[in-house]
Amino acid sequence: RAETGQFLLQVDRQTKASYATYEAAQEA
């Protein structure tokens, strides 16, 4: 997948989404 943000959300070691800020990724 095209990664647009610096911070990647991983669930069971699989990347699900990317976010521009750490706070947004942490909240998700």
PDB file of all heavy atoms in Angstrom:
ATOM      1  N   ARG A   1       0.832  -1.187   0.000  1.00  0.00           N
ATOM      2  CA  ARG A   1       0.000   0.000   0.000  1.00  0.00           C
ATOM      3  C   ARG A   1       0.873   1.246   0.000  1.00  0.00           C
ATOM      4  O   ARG A   1       1.966   1.255   0.535  1.00  0.00           O
ATOM      5  CB  ARG A   1      -0.885   0.030   1.229  1.00  0.00           C
ATOM      6  CG  ARG A   1      -1.905  -1.059   1.244  1.00  0.00           C
ATOM      7  CD  ARG A   1      -2.767  -0.923   2.459  1.00  0.00           C
ATOM      8  NE  ARG A   1      -3.691  -2.037   2.536  1.00  0.00           N
ATOM      9  CZ  ARG A   1      -4.535  -2.230   3.505  1.00  0.00           C
ATOM     10  NH1 ARG A   1      -4.565  -1.388   4.515  1.00  0.00           N
ATOM     11  NH2 ARG A   1      -5.336  -3.248   3.512  1.00  0.00           N
ATOM     12  N   ALA A   2       0.346   2.282  -0.573  1.00  0.00           N
ATOM     13  CA  ALA A   2       1.056   3.553  -0.555  1.00  0.00           C
ATOM     14  C   ALA A   2       1.006   4.115   0.859  1.00  0.00           C
ATOM     15  O   ALA A   2      -0.065   4.255   1.449  1.00  0.00           O
ATOM     16  CB  ALA A   2       0.434   4.519  -1.532  1.00  0.00           C
ATOM     17  N   GLU A   3       2.151   4.405   1.411  1.00  0.00           N
ATOM     18  CA  GLU A   3       2.230   4.949   2.760  1.00  0.00           C
ATOM     19  C   GLU A   3       2.350   6.461   2.647  1.00  0.00           C
ATOM     20  O   GLU A   3       3.278   6.973   2.043  1.00  0.00           O
ATOM     21  CB  GLU A   3       3.422   4.361   3.500  1.00  0.00           C
ATOM     22  CG  GLU A   3       3.313   2.852   3.675  1.00  0.00           C
ATOM     23  CD  GLU A   3       4.568   2.239   4.251  1.00  0.00           C
ATOM     24  OE1 GLU A   3       5.547   2.973   4.473  1.00  0.00           O
ATOM     25  OE2 GLU A   3       4.552   1.033   4.472  1.00  0.00           O
ATOM     26  N   THR A   4       1.398   7.161   3.242  1.00  0.00           N
ATOM     27  CA  THR A   4       1.405   8.613   3.122  1.00  0.00           C
ATOM     28  C   THR A   4       1.905   9.299   4.380  1.00  0.00           C
ATOM     29  O   THR A   4       2.381  10.415   4.311  1.00  0.00           O
ATOM     30  CB  THR A   4      -0.014   9.132   2.812  1.00  0.00           C
ATOM     31  OG1 THR A   4      -0.898   8.686   3.837  1.00  0.00           O
ATOM     32  CG2 THR A   4      -0.504   8.628   1.470  1.00  0.00           C
ATOM     33  N   GLY A   5       1.794   8.658   5.530  1.00  0.00           N
ATOM     34  CA  GLY A   5       2.191   9.290   6.775  1.00  0.00           C
ATOM     35  C   GLY A   5       3.426   8.651   7.380  1.00  0.00           C
ATOM     36  O   GLY A   5       3.832   7.555   7.012  1.00  0.00           O
ATOM     37  N   GLN A   6       4.014   9.330   8.318  1.00  0.00           N
ATOM     38  CA  GLN A   6       5.222   8.852   8.989  1.00  0.00           C
ATOM     39  C   GLN A   6       4.909   7.771  10.013  1.00  0.00           C
ATOM     40  O   GLN A   6       5.716   6.879  10.232  1.00  0.00           O
ATOM     41  CB  GLN A   6       5.905  10.039   9.679  1.00  0.00           C
ATOM     42  CG  GLN A   6       7.090   9.658  10.523  1.00  0.00           C
ATOM     43  CD  GLN A   6       7.712  10.855  11.218  1.00  0.00           C
ATOM     44  OE1 GLN A   6       7.391  11.994  10.922  1.00  0.00           O
ATOM     45  NE2 GLN A   6       8.622  10.592  12.140  1.00  0.00           N
ATOM     46  N   PHE A   7       3.725   7.838  10.620  1.00  0.00           N
ATOM     47  CA  PHE A   7       3.385   6.924  11.713  1.00  0.00           C
ATOM     48  C   PHE A   7       2.409   5.860  11.212  1.00  0.00           C
ATOM     49  O   PHE A   7       1.340   6.181  10.708  1.00  0.00           O
ATOM     50  CB  PHE A   7       2.799   7.711  12.884  1.00  0.00           C
ATOM     51  CG  PHE A   7       3.758   8.730  13.419  1.00  0.00           C
ATOM     52  CD1 PHE A   7       3.683  10.047  13.020  1.00  0.00           C
ATOM     53  CD2 PHE A   7       4.759   8.352  14.295  1.00  0.00           C
ATOM     54  CE1 PHE A   7       4.581  10.981  13.494  1.00  0.00           C
ATOM     55  CE2 PHE A   7       5.663   9.281  14.778  1.00  0.00           C
ATOM     56  CZ  PHE A   7       5.574  10.596  14.372  1.00  0.00           C
ATOM     57  N   LEU A   8       2.801   4.600  11.348  1.00  0.00           N
ATOM     58  CA  LEU A   8       2.009   3.493  10.845  1.00  0.00           C
ATOM     59  C   LEU A   8       1.306   2.783  11.994  1.00  0.00           C
ATOM     60  O   LEU A   8       1.918   2.490  13.019  1.00  0.00           O
ATOM     61  CB  LEU A   8       2.901   2.500  10.102  1.00  0.00           C
ATOM     62  CG  LEU A   8       3.766   3.083   8.988  1.00  0.00           C
ATOM     63  CD1 LEU A   8       4.645   2.008   8.388  1.00  0.00           C
ATOM     64  CD2 LEU A   8       2.897   3.720   7.930  1.00  0.00           C
ATOM     65  N   LEU A   9       0.029   2.501  11.826  1.00  0.00           N
ATOM     66  CA  LEU A   9      -0.757   1.755  12.796  1.00  0.00           C
ATOM     67  C   LEU A   9      -0.664   0.281  12.426  1.00  0.00           C
ATOM     68  O   LEU A   9      -0.992  -0.106  11.312  1.00  0.00           O
ATOM     69  CB  LEU A   9      -2.212   2.219  12.767  1.00  0.00           C
ATOM     70  CG  LEU A   9      -3.185   1.431  13.633  1.00  0.00           C
ATOM     71  CD1 LEU A   9      -2.819   1.567  15.112  1.00  0.00           C
ATOM     72  CD2 LEU A   9      -4.598   1.879  13.384  1.00  0.00           C
ATOM     73  N   GLN A  10      -0.175  -0.538  13.372  1.00  0.00           N
ATOM     74  CA  GLN A  10      -0.021  -1.965  13.127  1.00  0.00           C
ATOM     75  C   GLN A  10      -0.886  -2.754  14.104  1.00  0.00           C
ATOM     76  O   GLN A  10      -0.884  -2.478  15.290  1.00  0.00           O
ATOM     77  CB  GLN A  10       1.439  -2.386  13.275  1.00  0.00           C
ATOM     78  CG  GLN A  10       2.342  -1.748  12.246  1.00  0.00           C
ATOM     79  CD  GLN A  10       3.776  -2.170  12.408  1.00  0.00           C
ATOM     80  OE1 GLN A  10       4.201  -2.551  13.491  1.00  0.00           O
ATOM     81  NE2 GLN A  10       4.534  -2.104  11.333  1.00  0.00           N
ATOM     82  N   VAL A  11      -1.610  -3.740  13.556  1.00  0.00           N
ATOM     83  CA  VAL A  11      -2.425  -4.639  14.357  1.00  0.00           C
ATOM     84  C   VAL A  11      -1.925  -6.050  14.082  1.00  0.00           C
ATOM     85  O   VAL A  11      -1.946  -6.495  12.934  1.00  0.00           O
ATOM     86  CB  VAL A  11      -3.922  -4.514  14.007  1.00  0.00           C
ATOM     87  CG1 VAL A  11      -4.744  -5.484  14.820  1.00  0.00           C
ATOM     88  CG2 VAL A  11      -4.400  -3.081  14.223  1.00  0.00           C
ATOM     89  N   ASP A  12      -1.458  -6.722  15.133  1.00  0.00           N
ATOM     90  CA  ASP A  12      -0.848  -8.050  15.001  1.00  0.00           C
ATOM     91  C   ASP A  12       0.226  -8.055  13.911  1.00  0.00           C
ATOM     92  O   ASP A  12       0.264  -8.910  13.037  1.00  0.00           O
ATOM     93  CB  ASP A  12      -1.914  -9.113  14.726  1.00  0.00           C
ATOM     94  CG  ASP A  12      -2.719  -9.440  15.966  1.00  0.00           C
ATOM     95  OD1 ASP A  12      -2.232  -9.157  17.076  1.00  0.00           O
ATOM     96  OD2 ASP A  12      -3.822  -9.983  15.835  1.00  0.00           O
ATOM     97  N   ARG A  13       1.072  -7.061  13.941  1.00  0.00           N
ATOM     98  CA  ARG A  13       2.220  -6.887  13.051  1.00  0.00           C
ATOM     99  C   ARG A  13       1.840  -6.691  11.583  1.00  0.00           C
ATOM    100  O   ARG A  13       2.657  -6.877  10.697  1.00  0.00           O
ATOM    101  CB  ARG A  13       3.217  -8.037  13.185  1.00  0.00           C
ATOM    102  CG  ARG A  13       3.867  -8.033  14.552  1.00  0.00           C
ATOM    103  CD  ARG A  13       4.948  -9.042  14.619  1.00  0.00           C
ATOM    104  NE  ARG A  13       4.352 -10.375  14.748  1.00  0.00           N
ATOM    105  CZ  ARG A  13       5.015 -11.497  14.612  1.00  0.00           C
ATOM    106  NH1 ARG A  13       6.270 -11.477  14.335  1.00  0.00           N
ATOM    107  NH2 ARG A  13       4.408 -12.648  14.760  1.00  0.00           N
ATOM    108  N   GLN A  14       0.619  -6.294  11.323  1.00  0.00           N
ATOM    109  CA  GLN A  14       0.192  -5.967   9.963  1.00  0.00           C
ATOM    110  C   GLN A  14      -0.182  -4.496   9.910  1.00  0.00           C
ATOM    111  O   GLN A  14      -0.970  -4.014  10.720  1.00  0.00           O
ATOM    112  CB  GLN A  14      -1.017  -6.807   9.557  1.00  0.00           C
ATOM    113  CG  GLN A  14      -0.709  -8.276   9.428  1.00  0.00           C
ATOM    114  CD  GLN A  14      -1.914  -9.052   8.967  1.00  0.00           C
ATOM    115  OE1 GLN A  14      -2.909  -8.492   8.507  1.00  0.00           O
ATOM    116  NE2 GLN A  14      -1.850 -10.365   9.093  1.00  0.00           N
ATOM    117  N   THR A  15       0.380  -3.770   8.949  1.00  0.00           N
ATOM    118  CA  THR A  15       0.114  -2.346   8.826  1.00  0.00           C
ATOM    119  C   THR A  15      -1.300  -2.136   8.303  1.00  0.00           C
ATOM    120  O   THR A  15      -1.676  -2.701   7.287  1.00  0.00           O
ATOM    121  CB  THR A  15       1.127  -1.690   7.873  1.00  0.00           C
ATOM    122  OG1 THR A  15       2.441  -1.919   8.393  1.00  0.00           O
ATOM    123  CG2 THR A  15       0.895  -0.202   7.752  1.00  0.00           C
ATOM    124  N   LYS A  16      -2.065  -1.340   9.034  1.00  0.00           N
ATOM    125  CA  LYS A  16      -3.456  -1.095   8.665  1.00  0.00           C
ATOM    126  C   LYS A  16      -3.690   0.318   8.145  1.00  0.00           C
ATOM    127  O   LYS A  16      -4.558   0.526   7.321  1.00  0.00           O
ATOM    128  CB  LYS A  16      -4.381  -1.340   9.860  1.00  0.00           C
ATOM    129  CG  LYS A  16      -4.342  -2.754  10.381  1.00  0.00           C
ATOM    130  CD  LYS A  16      -4.807  -3.739   9.330  1.00  0.00           C
ATOM    131  CE  LYS A  16      -4.789  -5.149   9.853  1.00  0.00           C
ATOM    132  NZ  LYS A  16      -5.161  -6.128   8.841  1.00  0.00           N
ATOM    133  N   ALA A  17      -2.955   1.307   8.644  1.00  0.00           N
ATOM    134  CA  ALA A  17      -3.161   2.689   8.228  1.00  0.00           C
ATOM    135  C   ALA A  17      -1.911   3.493   8.523  1.00  0.00           C
ATOM    136  O   ALA A  17      -1.022   3.044   9.248  1.00  0.00           O
ATOM    137  CB  ALA A  17      -4.364   3.295   8.951  1.00  0.00           C
ATOM    138  N   SER A  18      -1.838   4.682   7.947  1.00  0.00           N
ATOM    139  CA  SER A  18      -0.719   5.576   8.239  1.00  0.00           C
ATOM    140  C   SER A  18      -1.275   6.957   8.586  1.00  0.00           C
ATOM    141  O   SER A  18      -2.341   7.353   8.098  1.00  0.00           O
ATOM    142  CB  SER A  18       0.232   5.661   7.050  1.00  0.00           C
ATOM    143  OG  SER A  18      -0.426   6.238   5.944  1.00  0.00           O
ATOM    144  N   TYR A  19      -0.542   7.652   9.444  1.00  0.00           N
ATOM    145  CA  TYR A  19      -0.981   8.952   9.946  1.00  0.00           C
ATOM    146  C   TYR A  19       0.186   9.926   9.889  1.00  0.00           C
ATOM    147  O   TYR A  19       1.348   9.535  10.013  1.00  0.00           O
ATOM    148  CB  TYR A  19      -1.487   8.847  11.390  1.00  0.00           C
ATOM    149  CG  TYR A  19      -2.707   7.956  11.510  1.00  0.00           C
ATOM    150  CD1 TYR A  19      -2.577   6.589  11.742  1.00  0.00           C
ATOM    151  CD2 TYR A  19      -3.983   8.477  11.378  1.00  0.00           C
ATOM    152  CE1 TYR A  19      -3.683   5.770  11.839  1.00  0.00           C
ATOM    153  CE2 TYR A  19      -5.104   7.671  11.474  1.00  0.00           C
ATOM    154  CZ  TYR A  19      -4.943   6.318  11.706  1.00  0.00           C
ATOM    155  OH  TYR A  19      -6.044   5.497  11.791  1.00  0.00           O
ATOM    156  N   ALA A  20      -0.147  11.197   9.744  1.00  0.00           N
ATOM    157  CA  ALA A  20       0.881  12.231   9.682  1.00  0.00           C
ATOM    158  C   ALA A  20       1.426  12.572  11.061  1.00  0.00           C
ATOM    159  O   ALA A  20       2.590  12.947  11.192  1.00  0.00           O
ATOM    160  CB  ALA A  20       0.328  13.485   9.013  1.00  0.00           C
ATOM    161  N   THR A  21       0.600  12.426  12.118  1.00  0.00           N
ATOM    162  CA  THR A  21       1.042  12.768  13.467  1.00  0.00           C
ATOM    163  C   THR A  21       0.976  11.546  14.376  1.00  0.00           C
ATOM    164  O   THR A  21       0.160  10.644  14.168  1.00  0.00           O
ATOM    165  CB  THR A  21       0.167  13.880  14.081  1.00  0.00           C
ATOM    166  OG1 THR A  21      -1.159  13.397  14.239  1.00  0.00           O
ATOM    167  CG2 THR A  21       0.178  15.129  13.216  1.00  0.00           C
ATOM    168  N   TYR A  22       1.824  11.561  15.392  1.00  0.00           N
ATOM    169  CA  TYR A  22       1.850  10.464  16.351  1.00  0.00           C
ATOM    170  C   TYR A  22       0.553  10.400  17.151  1.00  0.00           C
ATOM    171  O   TYR A  22       0.034   9.328  17.430  1.00  0.00           O
ATOM    172  CB  TYR A  22       3.058  10.618  17.292  1.00  0.00           C
ATOM    173  CG  TYR A  22       3.082   9.574  18.370  1.00  0.00           C
ATOM    174  CD1 TYR A  22       3.520   8.285  18.101  1.00  0.00           C
ATOM    175  CD2 TYR A  22       2.647   9.869  19.670  1.00  0.00           C
ATOM    176  CE1 TYR A  22       3.532   7.311  19.083  1.00  0.00           C
ATOM    177  CE2 TYR A  22       2.656   8.908  20.659  1.00  0.00           C
ATOM    178  CZ  TYR A  22       3.097   7.630  20.363  1.00  0.00           C
ATOM    179  OH  TYR A  22       3.104   6.660  21.327  1.00  0.00           O
ATOM    180  N   GLU A  23       0.027  11.572  17.513  1.00  0.00           N
ATOM    181  CA  GLU A  23      -1.178  11.625  18.328  1.00  0.00           C
ATOM    182  C   GLU A  23      -2.364  10.982  17.609  1.00  0.00           C
ATOM    183  O   GLU A  23      -3.158  10.262  18.224  1.00  0.00           O
ATOM    184  CB  GLU A  23      -1.506  13.070  18.719  1.00  0.00           C
ATOM    185  CG  GLU A  23      -0.544  13.672  19.724  1.00  0.00           C
ATOM    186  CD  GLU A  23       0.780  14.117  19.084  1.00  0.00           C
ATOM    187  OE1 GLU A  23       0.828  14.304  17.842  1.00  0.00           O
ATOM    188  OE2 GLU A  23       1.761  14.252  19.835  1.00  0.00           O
ATOM    189  N   ALA A  24      -2.495  11.218  16.315  1.00  0.00           N
ATOM    190  CA  ALA A  24      -3.603  10.632  15.549  1.00  0.00           C
ATOM    191  C   ALA A  24      -3.465   9.115  15.478  1.00  0.00           C
ATOM    192  O   ALA A  24      -4.441   8.378  15.639  1.00  0.00           O
ATOM    193  CB  ALA A  24      -3.640  11.229  14.148  1.00  0.00           C
ATOM    194  N   ALA A  25      -2.249   8.644  15.265  1.00  0.00           N
ATOM    195  CA  ALA A  25      -2.016   7.195  15.211  1.00  0.00           C
ATOM    196  C   ALA A  25      -2.252   6.556  16.575  1.00  0.00           C
ATOM    197  O   ALA A  25      -2.828   5.467  16.670  1.00  0.00           O
ATOM    198  CB  ALA A  25      -0.593   6.918  14.735  1.00  0.00           C
ATOM    199  N   GLN A  26      -1.830   7.223  17.630  1.00  0.00           N
ATOM    200  CA  GLN A  26      -2.004   6.691  18.976  1.00  0.00           C
ATOM    201  C   GLN A  26      -3.479   6.621  19.358  1.00  0.00           C
ATOM    202  O   GLN A  26      -3.926   5.639  19.947  1.00  0.00           O
ATOM    203  CB  GLN A  26      -1.233   7.555  19.982  1.00  0.00           C
ATOM    204  CG  GLN A  26      -1.238   6.994  21.385  1.00  0.00           C
ATOM    205  CD  GLN A  26      -0.481   7.881  22.355  1.00  0.00           C
ATOM    206  OE1 GLN A  26      -0.466   9.104  22.209  1.00  0.00           O
ATOM    207  NE2 GLN A  26       0.157   7.271  23.333  1.00  0.00           N
ATOM    208  N   GLU A  27      -4.248   7.627  18.996  1.00  0.00           N
ATOM    209  CA  GLU A  27      -5.684   7.619  19.302  1.00  0.00           C
ATOM    210  C   GLU A  27      -6.388   6.488  18.558  1.00  0.00           C
ATOM    211  O   GLU A  27      -7.226   5.794  19.134  1.00  0.00           O
ATOM    212  CB  GLU A  27      -6.311   8.968  18.941  1.00  0.00           C
ATOM    213  CG  GLU A  27      -7.789   9.051  19.279  1.00  0.00           C
ATOM    214  CD  GLU A  27      -8.093   8.813  20.752  1.00  0.00           C
ATOM    215  OE1 GLU A  27      -7.291   9.227  21.606  1.00  0.00           O
ATOM    216  OE2 GLU A  27      -9.139   8.198  21.037  1.00  0.00           O
ATOM    217  N   ALA A  28      -6.054   6.267  17.303  1.00  0.00           N
ATOM    218  CA  ALA A  28      -6.637   5.160  16.540  1.00  0.00           C
ATOM    219  C   ALA A  28      -6.240   3.823  17.153  1.00  0.00           C
ATOM    220  O   ALA A  28      -7.044   2.885  17.211  1.00  0.00           O
ATOM    221  CB  ALA A  28      -6.199   5.239  15.085  1.00  0.00           C
TER     222      ALA A  28
END
